[in-house]
C-alpha cells in the first residue's frame, strides 16, 4: 500500500480527532477538545497555509492514517503540532516523510527554528525527532500533557 501526504481540510477534523485522541488515550494522556485540541474543529482556519500547515497521511483508499501540523510560534519559529500515525502504518518511513514535509514548509516560509513538545511515553516519536536532528531544550512552556521539549535550528541544520 502506498501513502500520500496532503493538506488537511476542515472536513478531516473528525478522522484526525479519532486518530489523535485514540493515540493519546492509548498512552494514558487525555485529549482536551475544548482547549489545546480545539484547532481540530476547523483545521483550515487554524492552519491557513500561509505560515501554518496541517497535513494528513492517506492510504490508497483515501483513509486518513496520520496527521501533522506546523503552527507559527513567533516571527522566526514554528511549532510542530499533533504529529501522529496509526500503529499499523508505523515503521514505514511515514514519520520521516511527515517531518520532511513540515520542515520543508518551515524553510519555505522562512522560519529559522522549529520547536515541539512531546511526552516521555511516546518513545518512538522521541527517537524519530532526535534521529532527525531535534535536540532537547529547556521548555519555554509545556502543555499539560507534555514533559519534553525539542528544537531544530534550521539555520545550523542546513538540511
N, C-alpha and C. Protein backbone atom coordinates (compact mmCIF):
# COMPACT_ATOMS: atom_id res chain seq x y z
N UNK A 1 0.85 -1.19 0.00
CA UNK A 1 0.00 0.00 0.00
C UNK A 1 0.89 1.25 0.00
N UNK A 2 0.48 2.22 -0.77
CA UNK A 2 1.21 3.48 -0.79
C UNK A 2 0.44 4.52 0.01
N UNK A 3 1.16 5.54 0.40
CA UNK A 3 0.56 6.61 1.21
C UNK A 3 0.94 7.96 0.60
N UNK A 4 0.02 8.88 0.72
CA UNK A 4 0.26 10.25 0.24
C UNK A 4 0.05 11.21 1.41
N UNK A 5 0.73 12.34 1.32
CA UNK A 5 0.54 13.41 2.30
C UNK A 5 -0.11 14.57 1.57
N UNK A 6 -1.20 15.04 2.13
CA UNK A 6 -1.92 16.15 1.50
C UNK A 6 -2.34 17.15 2.57
N UNK A 7 -2.57 18.41 2.17
CA UNK A 7 -3.09 19.39 3.13
C UNK A 7 -4.43 18.93 3.67
N UNK A 8 -4.64 19.14 4.95
CA UNK A 8 -5.90 18.77 5.58
C UNK A 8 -6.98 19.76 5.22
N UNK A 9 -8.20 19.26 5.21
CA UNK A 9 -9.38 20.09 5.04
C UNK A 9 -10.15 20.07 6.35
N UNK A 10 -10.95 21.05 6.58
CA UNK A 10 -11.74 21.08 7.82
C UNK A 10 -12.61 19.85 7.95
N UNK A 11 -13.05 19.28 6.83
CA UNK A 11 -13.87 18.07 6.86
C UNK A 11 -13.10 16.86 7.40
N UNK A 12 -11.78 16.97 7.48
CA UNK A 12 -10.95 15.88 8.00
C UNK A 12 -10.91 15.86 9.53
N UNK A 13 -11.51 16.86 10.15
CA UNK A 13 -11.40 17.01 11.60
C UNK A 13 -11.83 15.79 12.40
N UNK A 14 -12.95 15.17 12.03
CA UNK A 14 -13.42 14.01 12.78
C UNK A 14 -12.42 12.85 12.70
N UNK A 15 -11.90 12.58 11.50
CA UNK A 15 -10.93 11.49 11.35
C UNK A 15 -9.64 11.82 12.11
N UNK A 16 -9.21 13.06 12.07
CA UNK A 16 -8.00 13.46 12.79
C UNK A 16 -8.21 13.34 14.30
N UNK A 17 -9.35 13.77 14.77
CA UNK A 17 -9.68 13.65 16.20
C UNK A 17 -9.64 12.18 16.64
N UNK A 18 -10.22 11.32 15.82
CA UNK A 18 -10.27 9.89 16.15
C UNK A 18 -8.85 9.32 16.29
N UNK A 19 -7.98 9.66 15.37
CA UNK A 19 -6.60 9.18 15.43
C UNK A 19 -5.88 9.77 16.63
N UNK A 20 -5.90 11.08 16.75
CA UNK A 20 -5.14 11.77 17.80
C UNK A 20 -5.65 11.39 19.18
N UNK A 21 -6.94 11.43 19.39
CA UNK A 21 -7.50 11.12 20.70
C UNK A 21 -7.27 9.65 21.06
N UNK A 22 -7.39 8.77 20.07
CA UNK A 22 -7.14 7.35 20.32
C UNK A 22 -5.71 7.08 20.74
N UNK A 23 -4.76 7.71 20.06
CA UNK A 23 -3.35 7.51 20.40
C UNK A 23 -3.04 8.13 21.76
N UNK A 24 -3.55 9.31 22.01
CA UNK A 24 -3.33 9.93 23.32
C UNK A 24 -3.83 9.01 24.44
N UNK A 25 -5.03 8.51 24.30
CA UNK A 25 -5.60 7.65 25.35
C UNK A 25 -4.81 6.35 25.50
N UNK A 26 -4.33 5.82 24.38
CA UNK A 26 -3.52 4.60 24.43
C UNK A 26 -2.28 4.81 25.31
N UNK A 27 -1.73 6.00 25.27
CA UNK A 27 -0.53 6.30 26.06
C UNK A 27 -0.86 6.93 27.42
N UNK A 28 -2.13 6.88 27.80
CA UNK A 28 -2.52 7.40 29.11
C UNK A 28 -2.61 8.91 29.19
N UNK A 29 -2.77 9.57 28.06
CA UNK A 29 -2.86 11.02 28.01
C UNK A 29 -4.28 11.42 27.61
N UNK A 30 -4.74 12.52 28.16
CA UNK A 30 -6.12 12.94 27.91
C UNK A 30 -6.21 14.02 26.83
N UNK A 31 -7.11 13.83 25.87
CA UNK A 31 -7.39 14.89 24.91
C UNK A 31 -8.03 16.08 25.62
N UNK A 32 -7.95 17.23 24.97
CA UNK A 32 -8.56 18.43 25.51
C UNK A 32 -9.33 19.12 24.39
N UNK A 33 -10.53 18.59 24.04
CA UNK A 33 -11.28 19.09 22.89
C UNK A 33 -11.66 20.56 22.98
N UNK A 34 -11.86 21.08 24.18
CA UNK A 34 -12.23 22.49 24.34
C UNK A 34 -11.01 23.38 24.54
N UNK A 35 -9.82 22.80 24.64
CA UNK A 35 -8.59 23.56 24.89
C UNK A 35 -7.61 23.40 23.76
N UNK A 36 -6.48 22.75 24.04
CA UNK A 36 -5.41 22.68 23.04
C UNK A 36 -5.75 21.85 21.81
N UNK A 37 -6.82 21.08 21.85
CA UNK A 37 -7.23 20.32 20.67
C UNK A 37 -8.39 20.95 19.92
N UNK A 38 -8.79 22.15 20.30
CA UNK A 38 -9.90 22.83 19.64
C UNK A 38 -9.58 23.17 18.19
N UNK A 39 -8.30 23.23 17.83
CA UNK A 39 -7.91 23.52 16.45
C UNK A 39 -8.45 22.47 15.48
N UNK A 40 -8.74 21.28 15.97
CA UNK A 40 -9.25 20.22 15.11
C UNK A 40 -10.68 20.48 14.64
N UNK A 41 -11.35 21.44 15.27
CA UNK A 41 -12.72 21.79 14.87
C UNK A 41 -12.75 22.49 13.52
N UNK A 42 -11.70 23.21 13.17
CA UNK A 42 -11.63 23.90 11.88
C UNK A 42 -10.16 24.01 11.48
N UNK A 43 -9.66 22.95 10.89
CA UNK A 43 -8.24 22.87 10.54
C UNK A 43 -7.82 23.97 9.57
N UNK A 44 -8.66 24.27 8.62
CA UNK A 44 -8.29 25.28 7.62
C UNK A 44 -8.19 26.66 8.24
N UNK A 45 -9.00 26.96 9.22
CA UNK A 45 -8.93 28.27 9.87
C UNK A 45 -7.70 28.38 10.77
N UNK A 46 -7.34 27.30 11.44
CA UNK A 46 -6.21 27.34 12.37
C UNK A 46 -4.86 27.18 11.67
N UNK A 47 -4.85 26.50 10.55
CA UNK A 47 -3.61 26.26 9.80
C UNK A 47 -3.86 26.75 8.39
N UNK A 48 -3.57 28.02 8.17
CA UNK A 48 -4.05 28.71 6.97
C UNK A 48 -3.25 28.47 5.70
N UNK A 49 -2.11 27.77 5.77
CA UNK A 49 -1.33 27.52 4.57
C UNK A 49 -0.37 28.64 4.20
N UNK A 50 -0.46 29.79 4.88
CA UNK A 50 0.48 30.88 4.60
C UNK A 50 1.70 30.76 5.52
N UNK A 51 1.45 30.67 6.83
CA UNK A 51 2.57 30.50 7.75
C UNK A 51 2.36 29.30 8.67
N UNK A 52 1.27 28.57 8.45
CA UNK A 52 0.96 27.36 9.21
C UNK A 52 0.37 26.33 8.24
N UNK A 53 0.55 25.06 8.59
CA UNK A 53 0.11 23.99 7.70
C UNK A 53 -0.29 22.78 8.53
N UNK A 54 -1.38 22.14 8.16
CA UNK A 54 -1.76 20.86 8.76
C UNK A 54 -1.95 19.88 7.61
N UNK A 55 -1.32 18.72 7.73
CA UNK A 55 -1.40 17.71 6.67
C UNK A 55 -1.91 16.40 7.25
N UNK A 56 -2.42 15.59 6.36
CA UNK A 56 -2.83 14.24 6.72
C UNK A 56 -2.13 13.25 5.81
N UNK A 57 -1.90 12.06 6.34
CA UNK A 57 -1.37 10.95 5.57
C UNK A 57 -2.57 10.08 5.21
N UNK A 58 -2.73 9.79 3.93
CA UNK A 58 -3.85 8.97 3.47
C UNK A 58 -3.33 7.73 2.76
N UNK A 59 -4.07 6.63 2.91
CA UNK A 59 -3.70 5.41 2.20
C UNK A 59 -4.37 5.39 0.83
N UNK A 60 -4.19 4.30 0.11
CA UNK A 60 -4.73 4.20 -1.25
C UNK A 60 -6.24 4.39 -1.32
N UNK A 61 -6.93 4.03 -0.25
CA UNK A 61 -8.38 4.16 -0.25
C UNK A 61 -8.84 5.55 0.16
N UNK A 62 -7.90 6.42 0.54
CA UNK A 62 -8.25 7.76 0.99
C UNK A 62 -8.45 7.86 2.50
N UNK A 63 -8.28 6.75 3.20
CA UNK A 63 -8.43 6.75 4.66
C UNK A 63 -7.26 7.48 5.30
N UNK A 64 -7.57 8.36 6.25
CA UNK A 64 -6.54 9.10 6.96
C UNK A 64 -5.90 8.18 7.99
N UNK A 65 -4.56 8.08 7.93
CA UNK A 65 -3.82 7.19 8.84
C UNK A 65 -2.79 7.95 9.66
N UNK A 66 -2.66 9.25 9.41
CA UNK A 66 -1.70 10.05 10.16
C UNK A 66 -1.98 11.53 10.01
N UNK A 67 -1.40 12.30 10.94
CA UNK A 67 -1.61 13.74 10.97
C UNK A 67 -0.31 14.45 11.35
N UNK A 68 -0.23 15.71 11.02
CA UNK A 68 0.89 16.54 11.46
C UNK A 68 0.66 17.99 11.11
N UNK A 69 1.04 18.85 12.03
CA UNK A 69 0.85 20.28 11.80
C UNK A 69 2.10 21.07 12.11
N UNK A 70 2.16 22.24 11.52
CA UNK A 70 3.22 23.21 11.79
C UNK A 70 2.52 24.54 11.98
N UNK A 71 2.67 25.11 13.16
CA UNK A 71 1.96 26.34 13.53
C UNK A 71 2.97 27.42 13.86
N UNK A 72 2.68 28.63 13.41
CA UNK A 72 3.54 29.77 13.74
C UNK A 72 3.62 29.91 15.25
N UNK A 73 4.85 30.02 15.76
CA UNK A 73 5.08 30.22 17.19
C UNK A 73 5.39 31.69 17.44
N UNK A 74 6.30 32.22 16.62
CA UNK A 74 6.59 33.65 16.58
C UNK A 74 7.25 33.93 15.24
N UNK A 75 7.75 35.12 15.03
CA UNK A 75 8.24 35.51 13.70
C UNK A 75 9.30 34.56 13.14
N UNK A 76 10.16 34.02 13.97
CA UNK A 76 11.22 33.17 13.47
C UNK A 76 11.07 31.70 13.76
N UNK A 77 10.02 31.33 14.48
CA UNK A 77 9.86 29.94 14.91
C UNK A 77 8.47 29.40 14.58
N UNK A 78 8.47 28.11 14.32
CA UNK A 78 7.21 27.38 14.18
C UNK A 78 7.24 26.21 15.14
N UNK A 79 6.07 25.68 15.43
CA UNK A 79 5.96 24.55 16.35
C UNK A 79 5.27 23.39 15.65
N UNK A 80 5.85 22.21 15.75
CA UNK A 80 5.21 21.01 15.24
C UNK A 80 4.11 20.63 16.21
N UNK A 81 2.94 20.34 15.66
CA UNK A 81 1.75 20.02 16.46
C UNK A 81 1.12 18.72 15.95
N UNK A 82 0.65 17.94 16.86
CA UNK A 82 -0.24 16.82 16.56
C UNK A 82 0.28 15.88 15.46
N UNK A 83 1.53 15.47 15.59
CA UNK A 83 2.10 14.53 14.64
C UNK A 83 1.88 13.12 15.17
N UNK A 84 0.96 12.40 14.55
CA UNK A 84 0.58 11.06 14.99
C UNK A 84 0.36 10.15 13.79
N UNK A 85 0.73 8.90 13.95
CA UNK A 85 0.47 7.86 12.95
C UNK A 85 -0.20 6.68 13.62
N UNK A 86 -1.18 6.08 12.93
CA UNK A 86 -1.80 4.87 13.45
C UNK A 86 -0.74 3.78 13.59
N UNK A 87 -0.86 2.93 14.58
CA UNK A 87 0.15 1.89 14.81
C UNK A 87 0.42 1.01 13.59
N UNK A 88 -0.60 0.70 12.80
CA UNK A 88 -0.39 -0.22 11.68
C UNK A 88 0.43 0.37 10.53
N UNK A 89 0.66 1.68 10.53
CA UNK A 89 1.48 2.26 9.46
C UNK A 89 2.84 2.76 9.95
N UNK A 90 3.13 2.55 11.21
CA UNK A 90 4.44 2.96 11.74
C UNK A 90 5.52 2.03 11.21
N UNK A 91 6.74 2.53 11.17
CA UNK A 91 7.87 1.73 10.71
C UNK A 91 8.01 1.66 9.20
N UNK A 92 7.27 2.50 8.48
CA UNK A 92 7.32 2.51 7.02
C UNK A 92 7.95 3.79 6.47
N UNK A 93 8.53 4.59 7.34
CA UNK A 93 9.15 5.83 6.90
C UNK A 93 8.19 7.00 6.81
N UNK A 94 6.94 6.82 7.24
CA UNK A 94 5.96 7.90 7.12
C UNK A 94 6.22 9.03 8.11
N UNK A 95 6.75 8.70 9.28
CA UNK A 95 7.10 9.75 10.24
C UNK A 95 8.17 10.67 9.66
N UNK A 96 9.16 10.07 9.03
CA UNK A 96 10.22 10.85 8.38
C UNK A 96 9.64 11.70 7.25
N UNK A 97 8.74 11.12 6.46
CA UNK A 97 8.11 11.88 5.36
C UNK A 97 7.29 13.05 5.91
N UNK A 98 6.58 12.81 7.01
CA UNK A 98 5.83 13.91 7.64
C UNK A 98 6.77 15.02 8.08
N UNK A 99 7.85 14.64 8.75
CA UNK A 99 8.82 15.65 9.19
C UNK A 99 9.43 16.39 8.00
N UNK A 100 9.78 15.66 6.95
CA UNK A 100 10.33 16.31 5.75
C UNK A 100 9.34 17.34 5.19
N UNK A 101 8.06 16.99 5.16
CA UNK A 101 7.03 17.90 4.66
C UNK A 101 6.93 19.15 5.52
N UNK A 102 6.86 18.95 6.84
CA UNK A 102 6.70 20.08 7.75
C UNK A 102 7.95 20.96 7.80
N UNK A 103 9.12 20.34 7.82
CA UNK A 103 10.37 21.12 7.84
C UNK A 103 10.55 21.85 6.52
N UNK A 104 10.22 21.20 5.42
CA UNK A 104 10.31 21.86 4.11
C UNK A 104 9.41 23.08 4.04
N UNK A 105 8.20 22.97 4.57
CA UNK A 105 7.29 24.10 4.61
C UNK A 105 7.87 25.22 5.48
N UNK A 106 8.41 24.85 6.64
CA UNK A 106 9.00 25.84 7.54
C UNK A 106 10.13 26.60 6.85
N UNK A 107 10.96 25.90 6.13
CA UNK A 107 12.06 26.55 5.40
C UNK A 107 11.51 27.50 4.33
N UNK A 108 10.51 27.04 3.60
CA UNK A 108 9.94 27.86 2.52
C UNK A 108 9.33 29.14 3.06
N UNK A 109 8.75 29.07 4.26
CA UNK A 109 8.14 30.24 4.87
C UNK A 109 9.20 31.18 5.44
N UNK A 110 10.37 30.62 5.76
CA UNK A 110 11.45 31.44 6.30
C UNK A 110 11.68 31.31 7.80
N UNK A 111 11.08 30.29 8.41
CA UNK A 111 11.35 30.06 9.83
C UNK A 111 12.80 29.65 10.02
N UNK A 112 13.37 30.06 11.14
CA UNK A 112 14.76 29.73 11.46
C UNK A 112 14.87 28.58 12.44
N UNK A 113 13.77 28.28 13.12
CA UNK A 113 13.81 27.26 14.17
C UNK A 113 12.43 26.61 14.29
N UNK A 114 12.45 25.33 14.58
CA UNK A 114 11.21 24.60 14.84
C UNK A 114 11.30 24.04 16.25
N UNK A 115 10.24 24.20 17.00
CA UNK A 115 10.15 23.63 18.35
C UNK A 115 9.02 22.61 18.37
N UNK A 116 9.06 21.74 19.35
CA UNK A 116 7.98 20.81 19.55
C UNK A 116 7.97 20.36 21.00
N UNK A 117 6.80 19.94 21.44
CA UNK A 117 6.62 19.38 22.77
C UNK A 117 6.17 17.94 22.60
N UNK A 118 6.56 17.10 23.54
CA UNK A 118 6.14 15.70 23.49
C UNK A 118 6.05 15.16 24.90
N UNK A 119 5.77 13.89 24.98
CA UNK A 119 5.65 13.23 26.27
C UNK A 119 6.61 12.05 26.29
N UNK A 120 7.21 11.81 27.43
CA UNK A 120 8.19 10.72 27.57
C UNK A 120 7.61 9.35 27.21
N UNK A 121 6.30 9.18 27.31
CA UNK A 121 5.67 7.90 26.96
C UNK A 121 5.73 7.62 25.46
N UNK A 122 5.89 8.65 24.65
CA UNK A 122 5.89 8.49 23.19
C UNK A 122 7.31 8.20 22.70
N UNK A 123 7.84 7.07 23.11
CA UNK A 123 9.26 6.77 22.88
C UNK A 123 9.63 6.71 21.41
N UNK A 124 8.76 6.13 20.58
CA UNK A 124 9.08 6.03 19.15
C UNK A 124 9.18 7.42 18.53
N UNK A 125 8.28 8.30 18.90
CA UNK A 125 8.30 9.67 18.37
C UNK A 125 9.55 10.40 18.83
N UNK A 126 9.91 10.25 20.10
CA UNK A 126 11.11 10.92 20.61
C UNK A 126 12.35 10.45 19.86
N UNK A 127 12.43 9.15 19.58
CA UNK A 127 13.57 8.63 18.83
C UNK A 127 13.61 9.21 17.42
N UNK A 128 12.46 9.29 16.78
CA UNK A 128 12.38 9.86 15.43
C UNK A 128 12.85 11.30 15.43
N UNK A 129 12.36 12.10 16.36
CA UNK A 129 12.74 13.51 16.41
C UNK A 129 14.25 13.66 16.60
N UNK A 130 14.81 12.87 17.48
CA UNK A 130 16.25 13.00 17.75
C UNK A 130 17.08 12.50 16.57
N UNK A 131 16.66 11.43 15.91
CA UNK A 131 17.36 10.98 14.70
C UNK A 131 17.31 12.05 13.62
N UNK A 132 16.23 12.79 13.57
CA UNK A 132 16.05 13.84 12.56
C UNK A 132 16.94 15.05 12.83
N UNK A 133 17.39 15.20 14.08
CA UNK A 133 18.25 16.34 14.43
C UNK A 133 17.69 17.25 15.50
N UNK A 134 16.48 16.99 15.97
CA UNK A 134 15.93 17.78 17.07
C UNK A 134 16.72 17.47 18.33
N UNK A 135 16.98 18.51 19.11
CA UNK A 135 17.72 18.34 20.36
C UNK A 135 16.85 18.78 21.53
N UNK A 136 17.01 18.11 22.68
CA UNK A 136 16.24 18.52 23.86
C UNK A 136 16.61 19.95 24.25
N UNK A 137 15.62 20.71 24.64
CA UNK A 137 15.83 22.09 25.08
C UNK A 137 14.98 22.33 26.33
N UNK A 138 15.39 23.31 27.14
CA UNK A 138 14.51 23.69 28.25
C UNK A 138 13.22 24.27 27.67
N UNK A 139 12.09 23.81 28.15
CA UNK A 139 10.84 24.28 27.56
C UNK A 139 10.54 25.73 27.91
N UNK A 140 10.05 26.47 26.90
CA UNK A 140 9.57 27.83 27.15
C UNK A 140 8.18 27.75 27.78
N UNK A 141 7.46 26.72 27.43
CA UNK A 141 6.16 26.41 28.01
C UNK A 141 5.91 24.93 27.72
N UNK A 142 5.08 24.32 28.47
CA UNK A 142 4.68 22.95 28.18
C UNK A 142 3.18 22.83 28.37
N UNK A 143 2.54 22.19 27.41
CA UNK A 143 1.12 21.91 27.62
C UNK A 143 1.01 20.87 28.74
N UNK A 144 -0.15 20.75 29.29
CA UNK A 144 -0.32 19.91 30.47
C UNK A 144 0.05 18.45 30.23
N UNK A 145 -0.04 17.95 28.99
CA UNK A 145 0.25 16.54 28.75
C UNK A 145 1.67 16.30 28.23
N UNK A 146 2.48 17.32 28.17
CA UNK A 146 3.84 17.19 27.67
C UNK A 146 4.87 17.41 28.78
N UNK A 147 5.96 16.67 28.69
CA UNK A 147 7.03 16.84 29.67
C UNK A 147 8.41 16.95 29.03
N UNK A 148 8.44 17.04 27.70
CA UNK A 148 9.71 17.17 26.97
C UNK A 148 9.56 18.24 25.90
N UNK A 149 10.67 18.93 25.63
CA UNK A 149 10.68 19.94 24.56
C UNK A 149 11.93 19.73 23.71
N UNK A 150 11.80 19.98 22.43
CA UNK A 150 12.90 19.80 21.47
C UNK A 150 12.90 20.97 20.50
N UNK A 151 14.04 21.17 19.86
CA UNK A 151 14.15 22.22 18.85
C UNK A 151 15.08 21.77 17.73
N UNK A 152 14.83 22.28 16.56
CA UNK A 152 15.67 22.07 15.40
C UNK A 152 16.03 23.44 14.85
N UNK A 153 17.31 23.74 14.84
CA UNK A 153 17.79 25.02 14.31
C UNK A 153 17.96 24.85 12.81
N UNK A 154 17.09 25.47 12.04
CA UNK A 154 17.11 25.30 10.58
C UNK A 154 18.30 25.98 9.94
N UNK A 155 18.80 27.03 10.55
CA UNK A 155 19.96 27.73 10.01
C UNK A 155 21.20 26.86 10.17
N UNK A 156 21.41 26.28 11.34
CA UNK A 156 22.57 25.44 11.61
C UNK A 156 22.44 24.09 10.91
N UNK A 157 21.20 23.57 10.83
CA UNK A 157 20.99 22.24 10.26
C UNK A 157 21.32 22.22 8.78
N UNK A 158 20.96 23.27 8.07
CA UNK A 158 21.27 23.36 6.65
C UNK A 158 20.61 22.28 5.81
N UNK A 159 19.81 21.44 6.44
CA UNK A 159 19.20 20.34 5.69
C UNK A 159 17.88 20.74 5.09
